[in-house]
Amino acid sequence: MAIAGKVGDWAFKAFTAGLGVATIYLTATFSVNVYRGLAWHNAQSKIDKEKSQEQNQ
């Protein structure tokens, strides 16, 4: 019975550690994607401004 309890404890610890790693990974990739999205949006805004300036000249 004690061995089964230890196995259960280790399984739970491994599971929660996996959840922690997954959370850190998803947070990091989400942050990178937000940064890339904002950079893309900024680049699009610059292109639009340049096009409107070319049309005005």
C-alpha atoms as a PDB file:
ATOM      1  CA  MET A   1       0.000   0.000   0.000  1.00  0.00           C
ATOM      2  CA  ALA A   2       2.826   2.411   0.802  1.00  0.00           C
ATOM      3  CA  ILE A   3       4.472   1.799  -2.583  1.00  0.00           C
ATOM      4  CA  ALA A   4       1.218   2.624  -4.377  1.00  0.00           C
ATOM      5  CA  GLY A   5       1.007   5.862  -2.418  1.00  0.00           C
ATOM      6  CA  LYS A   6       4.542   6.847  -3.384  1.00  0.00           C
ATOM      7  CA  VAL A   7       3.866   6.035  -7.034  1.00  0.00           C
ATOM      8  CA  GLY A   8       0.736   8.156  -6.870  1.00  0.00           C
ATOM      9  CA  ASP A   9       2.673  11.012  -5.274  1.00  0.00           C
ATOM     10  CA  TRP A  10       5.362  10.884  -7.971  1.00  0.00           C
ATOM     11  CA  ALA A  11       2.736  10.709 -10.708  1.00  0.00           C
ATOM     12  CA  PHE A  12       1.002  13.751  -9.278  1.00  0.00           C
ATOM     13  CA  LYS A  13       4.293  15.654  -8.962  1.00  0.00           C
ATOM     14  CA  ALA A  14       5.225  14.790 -12.557  1.00  0.00           C
ATOM     15  CA  PHE A  15       1.785  15.861 -13.753  1.00  0.00           C
ATOM     16  CA  THR A  16       1.889  19.205 -11.943  1.00  0.00           C
ATOM     17  CA  ALA A  17       5.471  19.814 -13.134  1.00  0.00           C
ATOM     18  CA  GLY A  18       4.282  19.152 -16.690  1.00  0.00           C
ATOM     19  CA  LEU A  19       1.466  21.631 -16.242  1.00  0.00           C
ATOM     20  CA  GLY A  20       3.955  24.203 -14.978  1.00  0.00           C
ATOM     21  CA  VAL A  21       6.258  23.701 -17.958  1.00  0.00           C
ATOM     22  CA  ALA A  22       3.300  23.884 -20.346  1.00  0.00           C
ATOM     23  CA  THR A  23       2.119  27.109 -18.715  1.00  0.00           C
ATOM     24  CA  ILE A  24       5.559  28.710 -19.025  1.00  0.00           C
ATOM     25  CA  TYR A  25       5.863  27.587 -22.665  1.00  0.00           C
ATOM     26  CA  LEU A  26       2.416  28.889 -23.601  1.00  0.00           C
ATOM     27  CA  THR A  27       3.043  32.193 -21.824  1.00  0.00           C
ATOM     28  CA  ALA A  28       6.339  32.660 -23.652  1.00  0.00           C
ATOM     29  CA  THR A  29       4.925  31.797 -27.070  1.00  0.00           C
ATOM     30  CA  PHE A  30       1.893  34.006 -26.486  1.00  0.00           C
ATOM     31  CA  SER A  31       4.157  36.927 -25.594  1.00  0.00           C
ATOM     32  CA  VAL A  32       6.259  36.360 -28.721  1.00  0.00           C
ATOM     33  CA  ASN A  33       3.141  36.200 -30.886  1.00  0.00           C
ATOM     34  CA  VAL A  34       1.769  39.433 -29.405  1.00  0.00           C
ATOM     35  CA  TYR A  35       5.118  41.135 -30.077  1.00  0.00           C
ATOM     36  CA  ARG A  36       5.174  39.869 -33.669  1.00  0.00           C
ATOM     37  CA  GLY A  37       1.574  40.958 -34.187  1.00  0.00           C
ATOM     38  CA  LEU A  38       2.271  44.452 -32.918  1.00  0.00           C
ATOM     39  CA  ALA A  39       5.419  44.690 -35.054  1.00  0.00           C
ATOM     40  CA  TRP A  40       3.459  43.544 -38.116  1.00  0.00           C
ATOM     41  CA  HIS A  41       0.712  46.054 -37.418  1.00  0.00           C
ATOM     42  CA  ASN A  42       3.267  48.849 -37.005  1.00  0.00           C
ATOM     43  CA  ALA A  43       4.911  47.895 -40.313  1.00  0.00           C
ATOM     44  CA  GLN A  44       1.529  47.938 -42.070  1.00  0.00           C
ATOM     45  CA  SER A  45       0.795  51.384 -40.676  1.00  0.00           C
ATOM     46  CA  LYS A  46       4.121  52.681 -42.014  1.00  0.00           C
ATOM     47  CA  ILE A  47       3.400  51.231 -45.467  1.00  0.00           C
ATOM     48  CA  ASP A  48      -0.059  52.835 -45.489  1.00  0.00           C
ATOM     49  CA  LYS A  49       1.411  56.212 -44.509  1.00  0.00           C
ATOM     50  CA  GLU A  50       4.048  55.984 -47.252  1.00  0.00           C
ATOM     51  CA  LYS A  51       1.407  55.112 -49.862  1.00  0.00           C
ATOM     52  CA  SER A  52      -0.795  58.032 -48.853  1.00  0.00           C
ATOM     53  CA  GLN A  53       2.186  60.417 -49.001  1.00  0.00           C
ATOM     54  CA  GLU A  54       3.070  59.170 -52.496  1.00  0.00           C
ATOM     55  CA  GLN A  55      -0.487  59.725 -53.685  1.00  0.00           C
ATOM     56  CA  ASN A  56      -0.536  63.277 -52.313  1.00  0.00           C
ATOM     57  CA  GLN A  57       2.595  64.266 -54.223  1.00  0.00           C
END
